[in-house]
């Protein structure tokens, strides 16, 4: 479990057999702390067709749909599958961030169980090493 590399390669690489970081694409330095590509400062998505390219790393338990009916803005990302539901963005430049804003609406037709209204927002400042 990457214990031999400093700071677990900051979540942007993996440790090789000599305990040196092998950085993911877009990162460099001995601890994968230097980004070689500019990170977005915002992500805006209306989900009209597909998620904007380069916005999200993964969508689990959801899809773009009009399941909850027609919205004023068109389609939405609807999490209607049983089990874990998650949306993960690409790494962002949040150095000067003062707030994070997103819109959330619950479709009453999709209430699957009593705890389905729980939402957790997690963030990491070190590539997911800690949250």
N, C-alpha and C. Protein backbone atom coordinates (compact mmCIF):
# COMPACT_ATOMS: atom_id res chain seq x y z
N UNK A 1 0.83 -1.20 0.00
CA UNK A 1 0.00 0.00 0.00
C UNK A 1 0.87 1.25 0.00
N UNK A 2 1.70 1.47 -0.95
CA UNK A 2 2.48 2.68 -1.17
C UNK A 2 3.10 3.28 0.10
N UNK A 3 3.37 2.46 1.14
CA UNK A 3 3.89 3.02 2.38
C UNK A 3 5.31 3.53 2.23
N UNK A 4 6.04 3.08 1.23
CA UNK A 4 7.43 3.49 1.09
C UNK A 4 7.62 4.84 0.44
N UNK A 5 6.61 5.40 -0.18
CA UNK A 5 6.74 6.68 -0.86
C UNK A 5 6.25 7.83 0.02
N UNK A 6 6.93 8.96 -0.07
CA UNK A 6 6.54 10.12 0.73
C UNK A 6 5.11 10.57 0.41
N UNK A 7 4.32 10.75 1.45
CA UNK A 7 2.94 11.27 1.31
C UNK A 7 2.10 10.52 0.29
N UNK A 8 2.41 9.24 0.10
CA UNK A 8 1.65 8.39 -0.83
C UNK A 8 1.56 9.01 -2.22
N UNK A 9 2.64 9.66 -2.63
CA UNK A 9 2.72 10.32 -3.95
C UNK A 9 1.62 11.38 -4.10
N UNK A 10 1.13 11.89 -2.99
CA UNK A 10 0.12 12.94 -2.96
C UNK A 10 -1.14 12.59 -3.75
N UNK A 11 -1.40 11.30 -3.88
CA UNK A 11 -2.62 10.87 -4.57
C UNK A 11 -2.55 11.00 -6.07
N UNK A 12 -1.36 11.30 -6.61
CA UNK A 12 -1.23 11.51 -8.06
C UNK A 12 -0.19 10.59 -8.67
N UNK A 13 -0.05 9.39 -8.10
CA UNK A 13 0.89 8.43 -8.64
C UNK A 13 0.90 7.17 -7.78
N UNK A 14 1.84 6.29 -8.07
CA UNK A 14 1.98 5.08 -7.27
C UNK A 14 3.46 4.84 -6.98
N UNK A 15 3.73 4.05 -5.98
CA UNK A 15 5.08 3.76 -5.53
C UNK A 15 5.63 2.55 -6.28
N UNK A 16 6.84 2.68 -6.83
CA UNK A 16 7.42 1.54 -7.52
C UNK A 16 8.21 0.66 -6.54
N UNK A 17 8.87 -0.34 -7.04
CA UNK A 17 9.57 -1.30 -6.16
C UNK A 17 10.79 -0.70 -5.47
N UNK A 18 11.24 0.46 -5.92
CA UNK A 18 12.38 1.13 -5.28
C UNK A 18 11.91 2.27 -4.37
N UNK A 19 10.63 2.28 -4.04
CA UNK A 19 10.03 3.31 -3.19
C UNK A 19 10.15 4.72 -3.77
N UNK A 20 10.00 4.81 -5.08
CA UNK A 20 9.97 6.10 -5.75
C UNK A 20 8.62 6.25 -6.43
N UNK A 21 8.12 7.50 -6.45
CA UNK A 21 6.81 7.75 -7.06
C UNK A 21 6.89 7.69 -8.57
N UNK A 22 5.91 7.03 -9.16
CA UNK A 22 5.69 7.06 -10.60
C UNK A 22 4.41 7.87 -10.76
N UNK A 23 4.56 9.08 -11.28
CA UNK A 23 3.45 10.02 -11.30
C UNK A 23 2.42 9.70 -12.38
N UNK A 24 1.15 10.02 -12.08
CA UNK A 24 0.08 9.92 -13.06
C UNK A 24 0.32 10.96 -14.15
N UNK A 25 -0.32 10.77 -15.29
CA UNK A 25 -0.24 11.74 -16.38
C UNK A 25 -0.68 13.11 -15.87
N UNK A 26 0.07 14.12 -16.20
CA UNK A 26 -0.25 15.48 -15.79
C UNK A 26 0.42 15.92 -14.50
N UNK A 27 1.24 15.02 -13.89
CA UNK A 27 1.95 15.36 -12.64
C UNK A 27 3.41 14.95 -12.75
N UNK A 28 4.26 15.68 -12.02
CA UNK A 28 5.68 15.37 -12.01
C UNK A 28 6.27 15.74 -10.65
N UNK A 29 7.53 15.52 -10.47
CA UNK A 29 8.36 15.77 -9.28
C UNK A 29 8.50 14.47 -8.50
N UNK A 30 9.40 14.47 -7.54
CA UNK A 30 9.68 13.24 -6.79
C UNK A 30 8.48 12.78 -5.96
N UNK A 31 7.56 13.70 -5.63
CA UNK A 31 6.38 13.34 -4.84
C UNK A 31 5.08 13.64 -5.60
N UNK A 32 5.17 13.83 -6.92
CA UNK A 32 3.99 14.08 -7.79
C UNK A 32 3.19 15.30 -7.33
N UNK A 33 3.89 16.35 -6.92
CA UNK A 33 3.20 17.55 -6.44
C UNK A 33 3.08 18.63 -7.49
N UNK A 34 3.83 18.52 -8.58
CA UNK A 34 3.82 19.55 -9.61
C UNK A 34 2.89 19.13 -10.73
N UNK A 35 1.92 19.98 -11.01
CA UNK A 35 1.01 19.67 -12.11
C UNK A 35 1.58 20.24 -13.39
N UNK A 36 1.52 19.47 -14.44
CA UNK A 36 2.05 19.91 -15.73
C UNK A 36 0.94 20.40 -16.65
N UNK A 37 -0.28 20.35 -16.19
CA UNK A 37 -1.42 20.82 -16.97
C UNK A 37 -2.24 21.77 -16.12
N UNK A 38 -2.82 22.77 -16.74
CA UNK A 38 -3.63 23.73 -16.01
C UNK A 38 -4.93 23.06 -15.56
N UNK A 39 -5.27 23.26 -14.29
CA UNK A 39 -6.51 22.69 -13.73
C UNK A 39 -7.64 23.70 -13.87
N UNK A 40 -8.86 23.21 -14.06
CA UNK A 40 -9.99 24.14 -14.15
C UNK A 40 -10.27 24.81 -12.80
N UNK A 41 -10.77 26.03 -12.85
CA UNK A 41 -11.17 26.73 -11.62
C UNK A 41 -12.67 26.61 -11.39
N UNK A 42 -13.40 26.14 -12.39
CA UNK A 42 -14.84 25.92 -12.23
C UNK A 42 -15.29 24.84 -13.19
N UNK A 43 -16.40 24.23 -12.85
CA UNK A 43 -17.04 23.24 -13.72
C UNK A 43 -18.51 23.64 -13.81
N UNK A 44 -18.96 23.88 -15.01
CA UNK A 44 -20.36 24.22 -15.24
C UNK A 44 -20.91 23.19 -16.21
N UNK A 45 -22.03 22.59 -15.87
CA UNK A 45 -22.59 21.55 -16.73
C UNK A 45 -24.10 21.57 -16.66
N UNK A 46 -24.76 21.63 -17.81
CA UNK A 46 -26.22 21.61 -17.86
C UNK A 46 -26.76 20.20 -18.10
N UNK A 47 -25.89 19.24 -18.39
CA UNK A 47 -26.25 17.84 -18.62
C UNK A 47 -27.30 17.69 -19.72
N UNK A 48 -27.22 18.52 -20.76
CA UNK A 48 -28.17 18.40 -21.86
C UNK A 48 -28.00 17.10 -22.62
N UNK A 49 -26.77 16.68 -22.85
CA UNK A 49 -26.52 15.42 -23.53
C UNK A 49 -25.56 14.58 -22.70
N UNK A 50 -24.30 14.82 -22.83
CA UNK A 50 -23.29 14.12 -22.06
C UNK A 50 -22.58 15.12 -21.16
N UNK A 51 -21.98 14.65 -20.09
CA UNK A 51 -21.21 15.58 -19.25
C UNK A 51 -20.12 16.26 -20.09
N UNK A 52 -19.85 17.52 -19.78
CA UNK A 52 -18.81 18.25 -20.50
C UNK A 52 -17.50 17.48 -20.44
N UNK A 53 -16.82 17.31 -21.56
CA UNK A 53 -15.54 16.58 -21.57
C UNK A 53 -14.56 17.21 -20.58
N UNK A 54 -13.86 16.37 -19.85
CA UNK A 54 -12.87 16.86 -18.91
C UNK A 54 -13.42 17.37 -17.60
N UNK A 55 -14.71 17.17 -17.32
CA UNK A 55 -15.33 17.68 -16.09
C UNK A 55 -15.33 16.65 -14.96
N UNK A 56 -15.61 15.41 -15.29
CA UNK A 56 -15.81 14.39 -14.26
C UNK A 56 -14.94 13.16 -14.52
N UNK A 57 -14.41 12.60 -13.44
CA UNK A 57 -13.64 11.37 -13.55
C UNK A 57 -14.56 10.16 -13.57
N UNK A 58 -15.65 10.22 -12.79
CA UNK A 58 -16.57 9.09 -12.76
C UNK A 58 -17.96 9.52 -12.30
N UNK A 59 -18.94 8.80 -12.81
CA UNK A 59 -20.33 8.92 -12.37
C UNK A 59 -20.78 7.51 -12.05
N UNK A 60 -21.19 7.29 -10.81
CA UNK A 60 -21.60 5.96 -10.37
C UNK A 60 -23.03 6.03 -9.84
N UNK A 61 -23.88 5.16 -10.33
CA UNK A 61 -25.26 5.09 -9.84
C UNK A 61 -26.19 6.12 -10.43
N UNK A 62 -25.77 6.78 -11.49
CA UNK A 62 -26.62 7.81 -12.08
C UNK A 62 -26.41 7.92 -13.57
N UNK A 63 -27.31 8.64 -14.21
CA UNK A 63 -27.21 8.87 -15.65
C UNK A 63 -27.96 10.15 -16.00
N UNK A 64 -27.70 10.66 -17.18
CA UNK A 64 -28.39 11.86 -17.64
C UNK A 64 -29.77 11.45 -18.12
N UNK A 65 -30.78 12.14 -17.60
CA UNK A 65 -32.15 11.68 -17.83
C UNK A 65 -33.15 12.79 -17.56
N UNK A 66 -34.40 12.53 -17.91
CA UNK A 66 -35.53 13.39 -17.54
C UNK A 66 -36.49 12.59 -16.66
N UNK A 67 -35.95 11.63 -15.89
CA UNK A 67 -36.75 10.74 -15.06
C UNK A 67 -37.69 11.50 -14.14
N UNK A 68 -37.26 12.62 -13.63
CA UNK A 68 -38.09 13.39 -12.69
C UNK A 68 -39.01 14.36 -13.42
N UNK A 69 -39.10 14.24 -14.72
CA UNK A 69 -39.95 15.15 -15.47
C UNK A 69 -39.10 16.23 -16.13
N UNK A 70 -39.75 17.01 -16.97
CA UNK A 70 -39.07 18.06 -17.69
C UNK A 70 -38.65 19.17 -16.74
N UNK A 71 -37.40 19.55 -16.83
CA UNK A 71 -36.87 20.63 -16.01
C UNK A 71 -36.82 21.89 -16.86
N UNK A 72 -36.75 23.03 -16.23
CA UNK A 72 -36.68 24.27 -16.99
C UNK A 72 -35.43 24.34 -17.84
N UNK A 73 -34.39 23.63 -17.42
CA UNK A 73 -33.14 23.68 -18.17
C UNK A 73 -32.89 22.43 -19.00
N UNK A 74 -33.83 21.50 -19.07
CA UNK A 74 -33.63 20.29 -19.85
C UNK A 74 -33.39 19.08 -18.98
N UNK A 75 -32.37 18.32 -19.32
CA UNK A 75 -32.07 17.08 -18.59
C UNK A 75 -31.26 17.37 -17.33
N UNK A 76 -31.07 16.32 -16.54
CA UNK A 76 -30.31 16.44 -15.29
C UNK A 76 -29.53 15.16 -15.08
N UNK A 77 -28.56 15.23 -14.20
CA UNK A 77 -27.87 14.02 -13.76
C UNK A 77 -28.72 13.43 -12.65
N UNK A 78 -29.29 12.25 -12.90
CA UNK A 78 -30.23 11.63 -11.97
C UNK A 78 -29.58 10.39 -11.37
N UNK A 79 -29.51 10.37 -10.04
CA UNK A 79 -28.97 9.22 -9.33
C UNK A 79 -30.14 8.36 -8.88
N UNK A 80 -30.47 7.34 -9.66
CA UNK A 80 -31.64 6.53 -9.35
C UNK A 80 -31.33 5.04 -9.25
N UNK A 81 -30.08 4.69 -9.15
CA UNK A 81 -29.72 3.29 -9.00
C UNK A 81 -29.53 2.97 -7.52
N UNK A 82 -29.82 1.75 -7.16
CA UNK A 82 -29.65 1.31 -5.77
C UNK A 82 -28.15 1.12 -5.50
N UNK A 83 -27.73 1.46 -4.32
CA UNK A 83 -26.33 1.32 -3.95
C UNK A 83 -25.65 2.67 -3.90
N UNK A 84 -24.34 2.63 -3.92
CA UNK A 84 -23.56 3.86 -3.83
C UNK A 84 -23.77 4.72 -5.07
N UNK A 85 -23.95 6.00 -4.83
CA UNK A 85 -24.12 6.96 -5.92
C UNK A 85 -23.08 8.05 -5.74
N UNK A 86 -22.33 8.34 -6.80
CA UNK A 86 -21.19 9.23 -6.63
C UNK A 86 -20.88 9.95 -7.93
N UNK A 87 -20.47 11.21 -7.79
CA UNK A 87 -19.99 12.02 -8.90
C UNK A 87 -18.63 12.56 -8.48
N UNK A 88 -17.59 12.27 -9.26
CA UNK A 88 -16.23 12.69 -8.92
C UNK A 88 -15.75 13.63 -10.02
N UNK A 89 -15.36 14.84 -9.63
CA UNK A 89 -14.85 15.80 -10.61
C UNK A 89 -13.36 15.58 -10.84
N UNK A 90 -12.86 16.17 -11.89
CA UNK A 90 -11.42 16.20 -12.12
C UNK A 90 -10.81 17.09 -11.04
N UNK A 91 -9.50 16.98 -10.83
CA UNK A 91 -8.83 17.88 -9.90
C UNK A 91 -9.03 19.32 -10.37
N UNK A 92 -9.25 20.20 -9.41
CA UNK A 92 -9.50 21.60 -9.73
C UNK A 92 -8.51 22.50 -9.02
N UNK A 93 -8.29 23.68 -9.56
CA UNK A 93 -7.47 24.69 -8.91
C UNK A 93 -8.38 25.46 -7.97
N UNK A 94 -8.25 25.18 -6.68
CA UNK A 94 -9.12 25.81 -5.69
C UNK A 94 -8.35 26.75 -4.76
N UNK A 95 -7.23 27.26 -5.22
CA UNK A 95 -6.39 28.12 -4.38
C UNK A 95 -7.16 29.33 -3.88
N UNK A 96 -7.90 30.00 -4.73
CA UNK A 96 -8.62 31.22 -4.34
C UNK A 96 -10.11 30.98 -4.12
N UNK A 97 -10.53 29.74 -3.93
CA UNK A 97 -11.95 29.44 -3.77
C UNK A 97 -12.48 29.98 -2.45
N UNK A 98 -13.63 30.63 -2.53
CA UNK A 98 -14.29 31.13 -1.33
C UNK A 98 -15.52 30.29 -1.00
N UNK A 99 -16.11 29.66 -2.00
CA UNK A 99 -17.26 28.79 -1.77
C UNK A 99 -17.40 27.80 -2.92
N UNK A 100 -18.14 26.74 -2.65
CA UNK A 100 -18.47 25.74 -3.66
C UNK A 100 -19.99 25.72 -3.75
N UNK A 101 -20.51 25.81 -4.94
CA UNK A 101 -21.96 25.85 -5.11
C UNK A 101 -22.39 24.77 -6.10
N UNK A 102 -23.47 24.10 -5.77
CA UNK A 102 -24.08 23.16 -6.68
C UNK A 102 -25.57 23.16 -6.39
N UNK A 103 -26.34 22.70 -7.36
CA UNK A 103 -27.79 22.64 -7.20
C UNK A 103 -28.18 21.19 -7.01
N UNK A 104 -29.02 20.96 -6.03
CA UNK A 104 -29.48 19.61 -5.71
C UNK A 104 -30.99 19.66 -5.59
N UNK A 105 -31.65 18.71 -6.19
CA UNK A 105 -33.10 18.62 -6.09
C UNK A 105 -33.46 17.14 -5.97
N UNK A 106 -34.37 16.83 -5.07
CA UNK A 106 -34.77 15.44 -4.91
C UNK A 106 -36.10 15.20 -5.60
N UNK A 107 -36.10 14.20 -6.44
CA UNK A 107 -37.32 13.80 -7.13
C UNK A 107 -38.07 12.83 -6.22
N UNK A 108 -39.24 13.17 -5.82
CA UNK A 108 -40.00 12.34 -4.88
C UNK A 108 -40.29 10.95 -5.44
N UNK A 109 -40.36 10.82 -6.74
CA UNK A 109 -40.64 9.51 -7.34
C UNK A 109 -39.46 8.56 -7.17
N UNK A 110 -38.28 9.10 -6.84
CA UNK A 110 -37.09 8.26 -6.78
C UNK A 110 -36.66 7.92 -5.36
N UNK A 111 -37.44 8.23 -4.36
CA UNK A 111 -37.05 7.91 -2.99
C UNK A 111 -37.04 6.40 -2.84
N UNK A 112 -35.87 5.83 -2.65
CA UNK A 112 -35.73 4.38 -2.61
C UNK A 112 -35.78 3.82 -1.20
N UNK A 113 -35.32 4.60 -0.23
CA UNK A 113 -35.35 4.17 1.16
C UNK A 113 -35.17 5.41 2.03
N UNK A 114 -35.36 5.26 3.32
CA UNK A 114 -35.40 6.43 4.20
C UNK A 114 -34.11 7.22 4.23
N UNK A 115 -32.95 6.58 4.03
CA UNK A 115 -31.71 7.34 4.09
C UNK A 115 -31.27 7.88 2.73
N UNK A 116 -32.13 7.79 1.71
CA UNK A 116 -31.76 8.24 0.38
C UNK A 116 -31.65 9.75 0.29
N UNK A 117 -32.04 10.48 1.33
CA UNK A 117 -31.93 11.93 1.31
C UNK A 117 -30.61 12.43 1.87
N UNK A 118 -29.77 11.53 2.30
CA UNK A 118 -28.48 11.92 2.87
C UNK A 118 -27.52 12.25 1.73
N UNK A 119 -26.83 13.38 1.84
CA UNK A 119 -25.84 13.75 0.85
C UNK A 119 -24.57 14.17 1.57
N UNK A 120 -23.45 13.65 1.14
CA UNK A 120 -22.15 14.03 1.69
C UNK A 120 -21.35 14.70 0.58
N UNK A 121 -20.74 15.81 0.91
CA UNK A 121 -19.85 16.49 -0.01
C UNK A 121 -18.45 16.36 0.58
N UNK A 122 -17.57 15.70 -0.14
CA UNK A 122 -16.21 15.51 0.34
C UNK A 122 -15.24 16.24 -0.58
N UNK A 123 -14.15 16.70 0.01
CA UNK A 123 -13.12 17.32 -0.80
C UNK A 123 -11.76 16.94 -0.24
N UNK A 124 -10.77 17.04 -1.08
CA UNK A 124 -9.41 16.70 -0.69
C UNK A 124 -8.48 17.79 -1.22
N UNK A 125 -7.49 18.13 -0.46
CA UNK A 125 -6.50 19.11 -0.93
C UNK A 125 -5.17 18.42 -1.24
N UNK A 126 -5.17 17.09 -1.24
CA UNK A 126 -3.93 16.38 -1.54
C UNK A 126 -4.17 15.16 -2.43
N UNK A 127 -5.04 15.32 -3.43
CA UNK A 127 -5.25 14.26 -4.40
C UNK A 127 -5.94 13.02 -3.86
N UNK A 128 -6.67 13.14 -2.77
CA UNK A 128 -7.41 12.02 -2.23
C UNK A 128 -6.67 11.21 -1.20
N UNK A 129 -5.48 11.64 -0.78
CA UNK A 129 -4.76 10.93 0.28
C UNK A 129 -5.57 11.04 1.57
N UNK A 130 -6.12 12.20 1.83
CA UNK A 130 -7.02 12.37 2.97
C UNK A 130 -8.20 13.22 2.55
N UNK A 131 -9.33 13.05 3.26
CA UNK A 131 -10.57 13.76 2.93
C UNK A 131 -11.04 14.54 4.11
